[in-house]
Amino acid sequence: MKISQEGIELIKKFEGCRTESYRCAADVPTLGYGHTANVKDGDSCTQEEAESMLAEDLVEFENYVNDLVTVEITPTQFDALVAFTFNLGPKNLGESTLLRLLNLEKYDEIPAQFRRWNKAGGKVLDGLIRRREAESLLFQGKEWHDV
């Protein structure tokens, strides 16, 4: 399965795009739309390079979700899971109660599981509360843009 434009919009909304490297809330050097691989302090990119990095990163995170999820899911559920994994990493998805419950087909329990992941550096962040709510709504096939 591949992420749709809707899922990409969610990622772009919450990641934002920065063409100068910065330290994210978890203190990781980051560039473009949340790209972290091989980024060093002081790096920069063009808008076009940021779009290209995002496209490459999305293939990687689509593969993680495709590999870890063993049950049937809808395109919006897939989008939400890719957005979640893009932000938190495949290790967190792989070890999560969210994934365990999803693979047991307990779909109704998943929205609340998204919302549990609202901390960075041990602190609850408003931006993560909003992001997890948007992912939860997208997972349910509901409107998320106003979150």
N, C-alpha and C. Protein backbone atom coordinates (compact mmCIF):
# COMPACT_ATOMS: atom_id res chain seq x y z
N MET A 1 0.85 -1.16 0.00
CA MET A 1 0.00 0.00 0.00
C MET A 1 0.90 1.24 0.00
N LYS A 2 0.41 2.34 -0.57
CA LYS A 2 1.14 3.60 -0.65
C LYS A 2 0.33 4.69 0.05
N ILE A 3 1.03 5.65 0.64
CA ILE A 3 0.36 6.76 1.30
C ILE A 3 -0.33 7.64 0.25
N SER A 4 -1.49 8.16 0.61
CA SER A 4 -2.23 9.03 -0.30
C SER A 4 -1.83 10.48 -0.07
N GLN A 5 -2.34 11.35 -0.91
CA GLN A 5 -2.09 12.78 -0.75
C GLN A 5 -2.61 13.28 0.59
N GLU A 6 -3.71 12.71 1.05
CA GLU A 6 -4.27 13.09 2.35
C GLU A 6 -3.28 12.83 3.49
N GLY A 7 -2.65 11.67 3.47
CA GLY A 7 -1.65 11.35 4.48
C GLY A 7 -0.43 12.25 4.38
N ILE A 8 -0.02 12.55 3.16
CA ILE A 8 1.11 13.44 2.95
C ILE A 8 0.78 14.83 3.50
N GLU A 9 -0.44 15.29 3.27
CA GLU A 9 -0.86 16.60 3.79
C GLU A 9 -0.78 16.63 5.31
N LEU A 10 -1.19 15.55 5.97
CA LEU A 10 -1.11 15.52 7.42
C LEU A 10 0.35 15.64 7.87
N ILE A 11 1.21 14.87 7.27
CA ILE A 11 2.64 14.92 7.63
C ILE A 11 3.18 16.33 7.41
N LYS A 12 2.91 16.91 6.25
CA LYS A 12 3.42 18.25 5.96
C LYS A 12 2.88 19.29 6.94
N LYS A 13 1.61 19.18 7.29
CA LYS A 13 1.02 20.14 8.22
C LYS A 13 1.75 20.12 9.56
N PHE A 14 1.99 18.94 10.08
CA PHE A 14 2.55 18.85 11.43
C PHE A 14 4.08 18.92 11.45
N GLU A 15 4.74 18.50 10.39
CA GLU A 15 6.20 18.61 10.34
C GLU A 15 6.62 20.03 9.99
N GLY A 16 5.88 20.67 9.10
CA GLY A 16 6.33 21.94 8.56
C GLY A 16 7.56 21.69 7.70
N CYS A 17 7.98 22.70 6.98
CA CYS A 17 9.18 22.56 6.14
C CYS A 17 10.17 23.65 6.52
N ARG A 18 11.36 23.21 6.86
CA ARG A 18 12.43 24.15 7.19
C ARG A 18 13.64 23.81 6.34
N THR A 19 14.13 24.82 5.65
CA THR A 19 15.26 24.61 4.74
C THR A 19 16.62 24.80 5.41
N GLU A 20 16.61 25.17 6.68
CA GLU A 20 17.83 25.22 7.50
C GLU A 20 17.66 24.17 8.60
N SER A 21 18.70 23.41 8.87
CA SER A 21 18.57 22.35 9.88
C SER A 21 18.25 22.96 11.25
N TYR A 22 17.57 22.16 12.04
CA TYR A 22 17.16 22.56 13.39
C TYR A 22 17.12 21.32 14.25
N ARG A 23 16.99 21.52 15.54
CA ARG A 23 16.87 20.41 16.48
C ARG A 23 15.39 20.24 16.80
N CYS A 24 14.84 19.06 16.55
CA CYS A 24 13.45 18.79 16.86
C CYS A 24 13.27 18.67 18.38
N ALA A 25 12.04 18.46 18.81
CA ALA A 25 11.74 18.37 20.25
C ALA A 25 12.52 17.25 20.93
N ALA A 26 12.91 16.23 20.17
CA ALA A 26 13.71 15.13 20.72
C ALA A 26 15.22 15.40 20.56
N ASP A 27 15.58 16.64 20.17
CA ASP A 27 16.96 17.08 20.03
C ASP A 27 17.73 16.35 18.93
N VAL A 28 17.03 16.01 17.83
CA VAL A 28 17.65 15.34 16.69
C VAL A 28 17.79 16.36 15.55
N PRO A 29 18.96 16.47 14.92
CA PRO A 29 19.09 17.37 13.77
C PRO A 29 18.10 16.97 12.67
N THR A 30 17.36 17.96 12.18
CA THR A 30 16.24 17.72 11.27
C THR A 30 16.26 18.76 10.16
N LEU A 31 15.77 18.38 8.99
CA LEU A 31 15.78 19.26 7.82
C LEU A 31 14.56 18.97 6.96
N GLY A 32 14.07 19.97 6.25
CA GLY A 32 12.92 19.77 5.35
C GLY A 32 11.68 19.42 6.14
N TYR A 33 10.97 18.40 5.68
CA TYR A 33 9.74 17.91 6.33
C TYR A 33 10.07 16.78 7.30
N GLY A 34 10.84 17.06 8.32
CA GLY A 34 11.12 16.05 9.33
C GLY A 34 12.16 15.02 8.93
N HIS A 35 12.98 15.33 7.95
CA HIS A 35 14.03 14.40 7.51
C HIS A 35 15.17 14.43 8.52
N THR A 36 15.60 13.25 8.98
CA THR A 36 16.66 13.19 9.99
C THR A 36 17.89 12.40 9.54
N ALA A 37 17.78 11.56 8.54
CA ALA A 37 18.90 10.69 8.13
C ALA A 37 20.08 11.54 7.64
N ASN A 38 21.21 11.36 8.30
CA ASN A 38 22.47 12.01 7.92
C ASN A 38 22.43 13.54 7.99
N VAL A 39 21.48 14.10 8.74
CA VAL A 39 21.41 15.56 8.88
C VAL A 39 22.36 15.99 9.99
N LYS A 40 23.10 17.06 9.71
CA LYS A 40 24.01 17.64 10.70
C LYS A 40 23.60 19.08 10.95
N ASP A 41 23.94 19.59 12.12
CA ASP A 41 23.72 21.00 12.40
C ASP A 41 24.39 21.83 11.32
N GLY A 42 23.69 22.85 10.84
CA GLY A 42 24.24 23.72 9.80
C GLY A 42 23.88 23.31 8.39
N ASP A 43 23.27 22.13 8.20
CA ASP A 43 22.85 21.71 6.86
C ASP A 43 21.70 22.58 6.37
N SER A 44 21.54 22.64 5.05
CA SER A 44 20.41 23.36 4.46
C SER A 44 19.98 22.62 3.19
N CYS A 45 18.82 23.00 2.69
CA CYS A 45 18.30 22.41 1.46
C CYS A 45 17.38 23.42 0.78
N THR A 46 17.06 23.15 -0.47
CA THR A 46 16.06 23.94 -1.18
C THR A 46 14.68 23.33 -0.93
N GLN A 47 13.64 24.04 -1.29
CA GLN A 47 12.29 23.49 -1.18
C GLN A 47 12.15 22.22 -2.02
N GLU A 48 12.74 22.23 -3.20
CA GLU A 48 12.68 21.06 -4.07
C GLU A 48 13.39 19.86 -3.44
N GLU A 49 14.53 20.12 -2.81
CA GLU A 49 15.24 19.03 -2.12
C GLU A 49 14.43 18.51 -0.94
N ALA A 50 13.74 19.41 -0.24
CA ALA A 50 12.89 18.98 0.88
C ALA A 50 11.77 18.06 0.38
N GLU A 51 11.17 18.40 -0.74
CA GLU A 51 10.11 17.57 -1.32
C GLU A 51 10.67 16.20 -1.72
N SER A 52 11.85 16.20 -2.31
CA SER A 52 12.48 14.95 -2.73
C SER A 52 12.83 14.06 -1.54
N MET A 53 13.38 14.68 -0.47
CA MET A 53 13.70 13.90 0.73
C MET A 53 12.44 13.30 1.33
N LEU A 54 11.35 14.07 1.36
CA LEU A 54 10.10 13.56 1.90
C LEU A 54 9.62 12.36 1.08
N ALA A 55 9.64 12.49 -0.23
CA ALA A 55 9.19 11.38 -1.09
C ALA A 55 10.00 10.11 -0.83
N GLU A 56 11.32 10.26 -0.68
CA GLU A 56 12.18 9.10 -0.40
C GLU A 56 11.89 8.53 0.99
N ASP A 57 11.74 9.42 1.97
CA ASP A 57 11.44 8.97 3.33
C ASP A 57 10.12 8.22 3.39
N LEU A 58 9.12 8.70 2.65
CA LEU A 58 7.80 8.07 2.71
C LEU A 58 7.84 6.63 2.23
N VAL A 59 8.64 6.34 1.22
CA VAL A 59 8.77 4.95 0.74
C VAL A 59 9.28 4.07 1.87
N GLU A 60 10.27 4.55 2.60
CA GLU A 60 10.82 3.79 3.73
C GLU A 60 9.74 3.53 4.79
N PHE A 61 8.97 4.55 5.14
CA PHE A 61 7.98 4.39 6.21
C PHE A 61 6.75 3.61 5.75
N GLU A 62 6.41 3.70 4.47
CA GLU A 62 5.36 2.84 3.93
C GLU A 62 5.77 1.38 4.08
N ASN A 63 7.02 1.09 3.78
CA ASN A 63 7.51 -0.29 3.90
C ASN A 63 7.45 -0.79 5.33
N TYR A 64 7.81 0.05 6.29
CA TYR A 64 7.71 -0.36 7.69
C TYR A 64 6.27 -0.75 8.03
N VAL A 65 5.33 0.10 7.67
CA VAL A 65 3.92 -0.18 8.00
C VAL A 65 3.45 -1.42 7.26
N ASN A 66 3.78 -1.53 5.99
CA ASN A 66 3.39 -2.72 5.22
C ASN A 66 3.94 -4.00 5.83
N ASP A 67 5.16 -3.93 6.38
CA ASP A 67 5.78 -5.11 6.97
C ASP A 67 5.21 -5.46 8.35
N LEU A 68 4.88 -4.44 9.15
CA LEU A 68 4.47 -4.68 10.53
C LEU A 68 2.99 -4.98 10.71
N VAL A 69 2.16 -4.43 9.84
CA VAL A 69 0.71 -4.64 9.96
C VAL A 69 0.35 -5.92 9.22
N THR A 70 -0.30 -6.83 9.93
CA THR A 70 -0.61 -8.15 9.37
C THR A 70 -2.08 -8.35 9.07
N VAL A 71 -2.89 -7.31 9.27
CA VAL A 71 -4.33 -7.40 9.04
C VAL A 71 -4.73 -6.43 7.93
N GLU A 72 -5.95 -6.61 7.45
CA GLU A 72 -6.47 -5.69 6.42
C GLU A 72 -6.74 -4.33 7.04
N ILE A 73 -6.28 -3.27 6.36
CA ILE A 73 -6.58 -1.92 6.79
C ILE A 73 -7.02 -1.09 5.59
N THR A 74 -7.72 -0.01 5.87
CA THR A 74 -8.19 0.88 4.81
C THR A 74 -7.08 1.84 4.41
N PRO A 75 -7.23 2.51 3.28
CA PRO A 75 -6.22 3.51 2.90
C PRO A 75 -6.04 4.62 3.94
N THR A 76 -7.11 5.09 4.57
CA THR A 76 -6.95 6.14 5.57
C THR A 76 -6.28 5.60 6.83
N GLN A 77 -6.53 4.36 7.17
CA GLN A 77 -5.83 3.75 8.30
C GLN A 77 -4.33 3.64 8.00
N PHE A 78 -4.02 3.25 6.79
CA PHE A 78 -2.62 3.16 6.37
C PHE A 78 -1.95 4.53 6.44
N ASP A 79 -2.63 5.56 5.92
CA ASP A 79 -2.09 6.91 5.95
C ASP A 79 -1.77 7.34 7.37
N ALA A 80 -2.70 7.11 8.29
CA ALA A 80 -2.51 7.50 9.69
C ALA A 80 -1.32 6.76 10.29
N LEU A 81 -1.19 5.49 9.98
CA LEU A 81 -0.08 4.69 10.52
C LEU A 81 1.27 5.13 9.95
N VAL A 82 1.30 5.50 8.68
CA VAL A 82 2.55 5.99 8.09
C VAL A 82 2.92 7.33 8.74
N ALA A 83 1.95 8.22 8.92
CA ALA A 83 2.22 9.51 9.56
C ALA A 83 2.76 9.31 10.97
N PHE A 84 2.14 8.41 11.71
CA PHE A 84 2.54 8.08 13.07
C PHE A 84 3.97 7.54 13.09
N THR A 85 4.26 6.61 12.21
CA THR A 85 5.57 5.97 12.16
C THR A 85 6.64 6.95 11.67
N PHE A 86 6.27 7.82 10.75
CA PHE A 86 7.18 8.85 10.26
C PHE A 86 7.65 9.72 11.42
N ASN A 87 6.75 10.03 12.32
CA ASN A 87 7.07 10.89 13.45
C ASN A 87 7.80 10.15 14.58
N LEU A 88 7.43 8.91 14.83
CA LEU A 88 7.93 8.19 16.00
C LEU A 88 8.96 7.11 15.70
N GLY A 89 9.03 6.69 14.45
CA GLY A 89 9.98 5.66 14.08
C GLY A 89 9.39 4.25 14.12
N PRO A 90 9.97 3.35 13.33
CA PRO A 90 9.44 1.99 13.22
C PRO A 90 9.60 1.18 14.50
N LYS A 91 10.64 1.45 15.29
CA LYS A 91 10.84 0.69 16.53
C LYS A 91 9.67 0.96 17.48
N ASN A 92 9.27 2.22 17.60
CA ASN A 92 8.13 2.54 18.48
C ASN A 92 6.84 1.91 17.98
N LEU A 93 6.60 1.94 16.67
CA LEU A 93 5.41 1.27 16.15
C LEU A 93 5.51 -0.23 16.43
N GLY A 94 6.64 -0.82 16.12
CA GLY A 94 6.81 -2.26 16.25
C GLY A 94 6.61 -2.78 17.67
N GLU A 95 6.96 -1.97 18.67
CA GLU A 95 6.84 -2.40 20.06
C GLU A 95 5.57 -1.87 20.74
N SER A 96 4.69 -1.23 19.98
CA SER A 96 3.55 -0.54 20.58
C SER A 96 2.35 -1.44 20.83
N THR A 97 1.60 -1.06 21.84
CA THR A 97 0.29 -1.68 22.09
C THR A 97 -0.63 -1.39 20.92
N LEU A 98 -0.48 -0.22 20.31
CA LEU A 98 -1.28 0.13 19.14
C LEU A 98 -1.17 -0.95 18.08
N LEU A 99 0.05 -1.33 17.72
CA LEU A 99 0.25 -2.35 16.68
C LEU A 99 -0.27 -3.71 17.13
N ARG A 100 -0.01 -4.06 18.38
CA ARG A 100 -0.48 -5.35 18.89
C ARG A 100 -2.00 -5.45 18.79
N LEU A 101 -2.69 -4.40 19.22
CA LEU A 101 -4.16 -4.40 19.16
C LEU A 101 -4.65 -4.38 17.72
N LEU A 102 -3.98 -3.61 16.87
CA LEU A 102 -4.38 -3.55 15.46
C LEU A 102 -4.26 -4.93 14.83
N ASN A 103 -3.16 -5.62 15.08
CA ASN A 103 -2.96 -6.94 14.48
C ASN A 103 -3.87 -8.00 15.09
N LEU A 104 -4.53 -7.66 16.19
CA LEU A 104 -5.59 -8.52 16.76
C LEU A 104 -6.97 -8.10 16.25
N GLU A 105 -6.97 -7.16 15.29
CA GLU A 105 -8.19 -6.64 14.67
C GLU A 105 -9.10 -5.92 15.66
N LYS A 106 -8.51 -5.28 16.65
CA LYS A 106 -9.28 -4.49 17.63
C LYS A 106 -9.27 -3.03 17.16
N TYR A 107 -9.84 -2.82 15.99
CA TYR A 107 -9.81 -1.53 15.31
C TYR A 107 -10.39 -0.40 16.16
N ASP A 108 -11.43 -0.68 16.93
CA ASP A 108 -12.08 0.35 17.74
C ASP A 108 -11.18 0.87 18.86
N GLU A 109 -10.17 0.10 19.24
CA GLU A 109 -9.28 0.52 20.32
C GLU A 109 -8.10 1.37 19.84
N ILE A 110 -7.92 1.44 18.54
CA ILE A 110 -6.73 2.09 17.99
C ILE A 110 -6.74 3.61 18.16
N PRO A 111 -7.86 4.32 17.93
CA PRO A 111 -7.81 5.78 18.08
C PRO A 111 -7.26 6.23 19.43
N ALA A 112 -7.66 5.60 20.51
CA ALA A 112 -7.16 5.96 21.83
C ALA A 112 -5.66 5.66 21.95
N GLN A 113 -5.19 4.64 21.26
CA GLN A 113 -3.77 4.30 21.31
C GLN A 113 -2.91 5.39 20.66
N PHE A 114 -3.40 5.97 19.56
CA PHE A 114 -2.66 7.08 18.94
C PHE A 114 -2.43 8.19 19.96
N ARG A 115 -3.49 8.53 20.68
CA ARG A 115 -3.46 9.69 21.58
C ARG A 115 -2.49 9.52 22.75
N ARG A 116 -2.09 8.29 23.05
CA ARG A 116 -1.15 8.05 24.16
C ARG A 116 0.25 8.58 23.85
N TRP A 117 0.58 8.73 22.58
CA TRP A 117 1.94 9.10 22.15
C TRP A 117 2.06 10.62 22.00
N ASN A 118 2.01 11.34 23.12
CA ASN A 118 1.95 12.79 23.08
C ASN A 118 3.15 13.45 23.76
N LYS A 119 4.22 12.71 23.96
CA LYS A 119 5.39 13.25 24.67
C LYS A 119 6.64 13.21 23.78
N ALA A 120 7.50 14.20 24.01
CA ALA A 120 8.85 14.20 23.44
C ALA A 120 9.78 14.68 24.54
N GLY A 121 10.86 13.98 24.72
CA GLY A 121 11.78 14.33 25.80
C GLY A 121 11.12 14.25 27.16
N GLY A 122 10.12 13.37 27.30
CA GLY A 122 9.43 13.18 28.57
C GLY A 122 8.37 14.22 28.88
N LYS A 123 8.15 15.17 27.96
CA LYS A 123 7.18 16.24 28.19
C LYS A 123 6.01 16.12 27.22
N VAL A 124 4.79 16.32 27.74
CA VAL A 124 3.61 16.38 26.88
C VAL A 124 3.68 17.67 26.07
N LEU A 125 3.52 17.56 24.77
CA LEU A 125 3.58 18.73 23.88
C LEU A 125 2.24 18.95 23.19
N ASP A 126 1.79 20.20 23.18
CA ASP A 126 0.52 20.52 22.53
C ASP A 126 0.51 20.10 21.07
N GLY A 127 1.63 20.30 20.37
CA GLY A 127 1.70 19.91 18.97
C GLY A 127 1.51 18.42 18.77
N LEU A 128 2.03 17.62 19.69
CA LEU A 128 1.85 16.16 19.59
C LEU A 128 0.43 15.76 19.96
N ILE A 129 -0.18 16.47 20.89
CA ILE A 129 -1.59 16.20 21.20
C ILE A 129 -2.43 16.41 19.94
N ARG A 130 -2.20 17.53 19.24
CA ARG A 130 -2.96 17.82 18.01
C ARG A 130 -2.64 16.81 16.91
N ARG A 131 -1.37 16.48 16.76
CA ARG A 131 -0.98 15.54 15.71
C ARG A 131 -1.62 14.17 15.95
N ARG A 132 -1.53 13.67 17.18
CA ARG A 132 -2.12 12.36 17.47
C ARG A 132 -3.63 12.39 17.29
N GLU A 133 -4.29 13.49 17.61
CA GLU A 133 -5.73 13.60 17.38
C GLU A 133 -6.02 13.55 15.88
N ALA A 134 -5.22 14.27 15.08
CA ALA A 134 -5.41 14.24 13.63
C ALA A 134 -5.20 12.83 13.07
N GLU A 135 -4.16 12.15 13.53
CA GLU A 135 -3.90 10.78 13.07
C GLU A 135 -5.04 9.85 13.48
N SER A 136 -5.53 10.04 14.69
CA SER A 136 -6.65 9.24 15.17
C SER A 136 -7.89 9.45 14.31
N LEU A 137 -8.18 10.70 14.00
CA LEU A 137 -9.34 11.00 13.15
C LEU A 137 -9.15 10.44 11.75
N LEU A 138 -7.97 10.59 11.18
CA LEU A 138 -7.70 10.04 9.85
C LEU A 138 -7.84 8.52 9.87
N PHE A 139 -7.34 7.88 10.90
CA PHE A 139 -7.48 6.43 11.02
C PHE A 139 -8.94 6.02 10.95
N GLN A 140 -9.81 6.85 11.53
CA GLN A 140 -11.25 6.57 11.55
C GLN A 140 -11.96 7.05 10.29
N GLY A 141 -11.21 7.64 9.35
CA GLY A 141 -11.81 8.14 8.12
C GLY A 141 -12.60 9.42 8.33
N LYS A 142 -12.25 10.17 9.38
CA LYS A 142 -12.96 11.41 9.71
C LYS A 142 -12.12 12.62 9.32
N GLU A 143 -12.77 13.77 9.32
CA GLU A 143 -12.13 15.05 9.02
C GLU A 143 -11.13 15.40 10.12
N TRP A 144 -9.91 15.76 9.73
CA TRP A 144 -8.85 16.07 10.69
C TRP A 144 -8.23 17.44 10.49
N HIS A 145 -8.54 18.11 9.38
CA HIS A 145 -7.84 19.34 9.00
C HIS A 145 -7.95 20.47 10.01
N ASP A 146 -9.01 20.51 10.80
CA ASP A 146 -9.21 21.62 11.74
C ASP A 146 -8.58 21.38 13.11
N VAL A 147 -7.86 20.27 13.26
CA VAL A 147 -7.23 19.95 14.55
C VAL A 147 -6.03 20.85 14.75
